[in-house]
Amino acid sequence: AADLVVAPIAAAKAGPAVTNAQLSVWLEGHPDWQKDAAIAAGTADDKYLRGWSGGAPPVGKESAPAVAVSWNLAKAYCGGRGGLAAMDAPPLSWSEAPNQPWMEYRQDHGKPMWRRDDGVVSDQVSPSQSGVFIGFRCAK
């Protein structure tokens, strides 16, 4: 019998928090996700992309993490970037800071989740809900 080789399981990874500048570039090519269109389509609530004008982020906030996004948008944006970061991907907790929102949208086997700065996770996510304290990161 041939010897079986067992490959190590790769640890979950996550990229850096998505910035307003990165999201703005993506929104140019995805007008259905711009503020008015997404709200009208019901994929986002009325807090979605607060302070944005079309696909342009609030002035002076280009390098800040993208917040006031819906889980639906985060999933769509991360579609070509390895998917939305997994619930158990690092960072598992962090210090709230100007470059790090209080909460992040994550996913667990495709299901909506959020992770808070203190490490608490929840599946109580409305995919169209937005919050000025919720950001996201992709797997890659």
Protein backbone atom coordinates (compact mmCIF):
# COMPACT_ATOMS: atom_id res chain seq x y z
CA ALA A 1 0.00 0.00 0.00
CA ALA A 2 1.19 3.49 -0.80
CA ASP A 3 2.06 5.77 2.07
CA LEU A 4 -0.54 8.46 2.59
CA VAL A 5 0.68 12.02 2.81
CA VAL A 6 -1.42 14.26 4.98
CA ALA A 7 -1.13 17.93 4.11
CA PRO A 8 -1.26 20.37 7.00
CA ILE A 9 -4.46 22.38 7.24
CA ALA A 10 -3.77 25.98 6.32
CA ALA A 11 -4.69 28.45 9.03
CA ALA A 12 -7.41 30.90 8.13
CA LYS A 13 -5.97 34.17 6.86
CA ALA A 14 -7.38 37.61 6.37
CA GLY A 15 -6.14 40.59 4.45
CA PRO A 16 -6.03 44.12 5.83
CA ALA A 17 -9.21 46.12 6.45
CA VAL A 18 -10.65 47.41 3.18
CA THR A 19 -10.19 51.18 2.80
CA ASN A 20 -12.55 53.77 1.35
CA ALA A 21 -10.12 54.31 -1.55
CA GLN A 22 -10.15 50.59 -2.44
CA LEU A 23 -13.93 50.42 -2.16
CA SER A 24 -14.33 53.57 -4.27
CA VAL A 25 -12.35 52.03 -7.16
CA TRP A 26 -14.50 48.89 -6.98
CA LEU A 27 -17.73 50.91 -6.86
CA GLU A 28 -16.80 52.64 -10.14
CA GLY A 29 -17.16 49.30 -11.90
CA HIS A 30 -20.12 48.14 -9.80
CA PRO A 31 -22.69 50.97 -9.92
CA ASP A 32 -25.42 48.69 -8.52
CA TRP A 33 -23.56 48.84 -5.19
CA GLN A 34 -23.29 52.64 -5.09
CA LYS A 35 -25.30 54.27 -2.33
CA ASP A 36 -28.63 55.19 -3.97
CA ALA A 37 -28.80 52.07 -6.18
CA ALA A 38 -28.11 49.61 -3.33
CA ILE A 39 -30.62 51.28 -1.01
CA ALA A 40 -33.25 51.30 -3.78
CA ALA A 41 -32.57 47.60 -4.51
CA GLY A 42 -33.00 46.68 -0.83
CA THR A 43 -29.47 45.28 -0.50
CA ALA A 44 -28.61 48.05 1.97
CA ASP A 45 -30.38 50.16 4.57
CA ASP A 46 -30.55 53.96 4.80
CA LYS A 47 -27.28 54.17 6.82
CA TYR A 48 -25.36 52.58 3.93
CA LEU A 49 -22.24 54.47 2.79
CA ARG A 50 -23.18 57.42 4.97
CA GLY A 51 -21.25 60.49 3.84
CA TRP A 52 -20.51 59.08 0.37
CA SER A 53 -21.55 60.75 -2.86
CA GLY A 54 -22.18 58.10 -5.49
CA GLY A 55 -18.93 56.13 -5.55
CA ALA A 56 -16.87 58.84 -3.82
CA PRO A 57 -15.98 58.48 -0.12
CA PRO A 58 -16.23 61.36 2.34
CA VAL A 59 -13.57 63.99 1.60
CA GLY A 60 -10.40 63.41 3.59
CA LYS A 61 -11.42 59.84 4.52
CA GLU A 62 -9.97 58.04 1.48
CA SER A 63 -7.37 56.08 3.45
CA ALA A 64 -9.71 55.28 6.36
CA PRO A 65 -11.30 51.84 6.69
CA ALA A 66 -14.55 51.47 4.74
CA VAL A 67 -17.47 51.50 7.18
CA ALA A 68 -21.23 51.94 6.88
CA VAL A 69 -21.27 49.02 4.46
CA SER A 70 -23.72 46.14 4.37
CA TRP A 71 -22.71 42.50 4.75
CA ASN A 72 -24.11 42.07 1.22
CA LEU A 73 -21.61 44.61 -0.14
CA ALA A 74 -18.72 43.11 1.84
CA LYS A 75 -19.49 39.67 0.41
CA ALA A 76 -19.75 41.04 -3.15
CA TYR A 77 -16.54 43.09 -2.86
CA CYS A 78 -14.59 40.12 -1.49
CA GLY A 79 -15.94 37.74 -4.14
CA GLY A 80 -12.77 37.99 -6.22
CA ARG A 81 -10.49 38.31 -3.20
CA GLY A 82 -10.81 34.90 -1.58
CA GLY A 83 -14.21 35.69 -0.09
CA LEU A 84 -15.10 37.58 3.04
CA ALA A 85 -12.66 36.86 5.89
CA ALA A 86 -13.59 33.83 7.97
CA MET A 87 -14.98 34.23 11.45
CA ASP A 88 -11.87 32.55 12.90
CA ALA A 89 -9.30 34.42 10.77
CA PRO A 90 -6.95 36.78 12.59
CA PRO A 91 -7.19 39.30 14.00
CA LEU A 92 -9.47 37.71 16.57
CA SER A 93 -9.44 40.84 18.72
CA TRP A 94 -7.92 44.30 18.38
CA SER A 95 -7.79 47.78 19.84
CA GLU A 96 -10.32 50.16 18.40
CA ALA A 97 -8.40 52.83 16.53
CA PRO A 98 -8.82 55.28 13.62
CA ASN A 99 -7.55 52.57 11.27
CA GLN A 100 -9.61 49.74 12.81
CA PRO A 101 -13.41 49.76 13.21
CA TRP A 102 -15.09 48.45 16.36
CA MET A 103 -16.68 45.53 14.47
CA GLU A 104 -16.07 43.64 11.23
CA TYR A 105 -18.31 41.67 8.96
CA ARG A 106 -17.05 38.11 8.60
CA GLN A 107 -18.48 34.82 7.33
CA ASP A 108 -18.69 31.27 8.59
CA HIS A 109 -19.05 28.81 5.68
CA GLY A 110 -20.84 31.53 3.70
CA LYS A 111 -23.18 32.56 6.53
CA PRO A 112 -23.21 36.19 7.75
CA MET A 113 -21.27 36.86 10.95
CA TRP A 114 -19.66 39.76 12.75
CA ARG A 115 -16.64 39.91 15.06
CA ARG A 116 -16.18 42.66 17.64
CA ASP A 117 -12.90 44.16 18.86
CA ASP A 118 -13.10 42.14 22.11
CA GLY A 119 -13.35 38.87 20.15
CA VAL A 120 -17.09 38.31 20.57
CA VAL A 121 -18.75 36.86 17.44
CA SER A 122 -22.38 36.64 16.43
CA ASP A 123 -24.54 35.31 13.65
CA GLN A 124 -27.22 37.92 14.36
CA VAL A 125 -26.55 39.77 11.12
CA SER A 126 -29.08 41.35 8.82
CA PRO A 127 -27.24 41.26 5.45
CA SER A 128 -28.61 44.66 4.40
CA GLN A 129 -27.82 46.43 7.71
CA SER A 130 -25.08 49.07 7.78
CA GLY A 131 -23.30 50.74 10.68
CA VAL A 132 -20.69 53.46 10.93
CA PHE A 133 -18.72 51.22 13.31
CA ILE A 134 -18.67 48.08 11.09
CA GLY A 135 -15.89 47.49 8.57
CA PHE A 136 -14.70 44.38 6.76
CA ARG A 137 -11.72 42.55 5.34
CA CYS A 138 -11.36 39.91 2.67
CA ALA A 139 -9.54 36.58 2.91
CA LYS A 140 -6.88 37.88 0.47
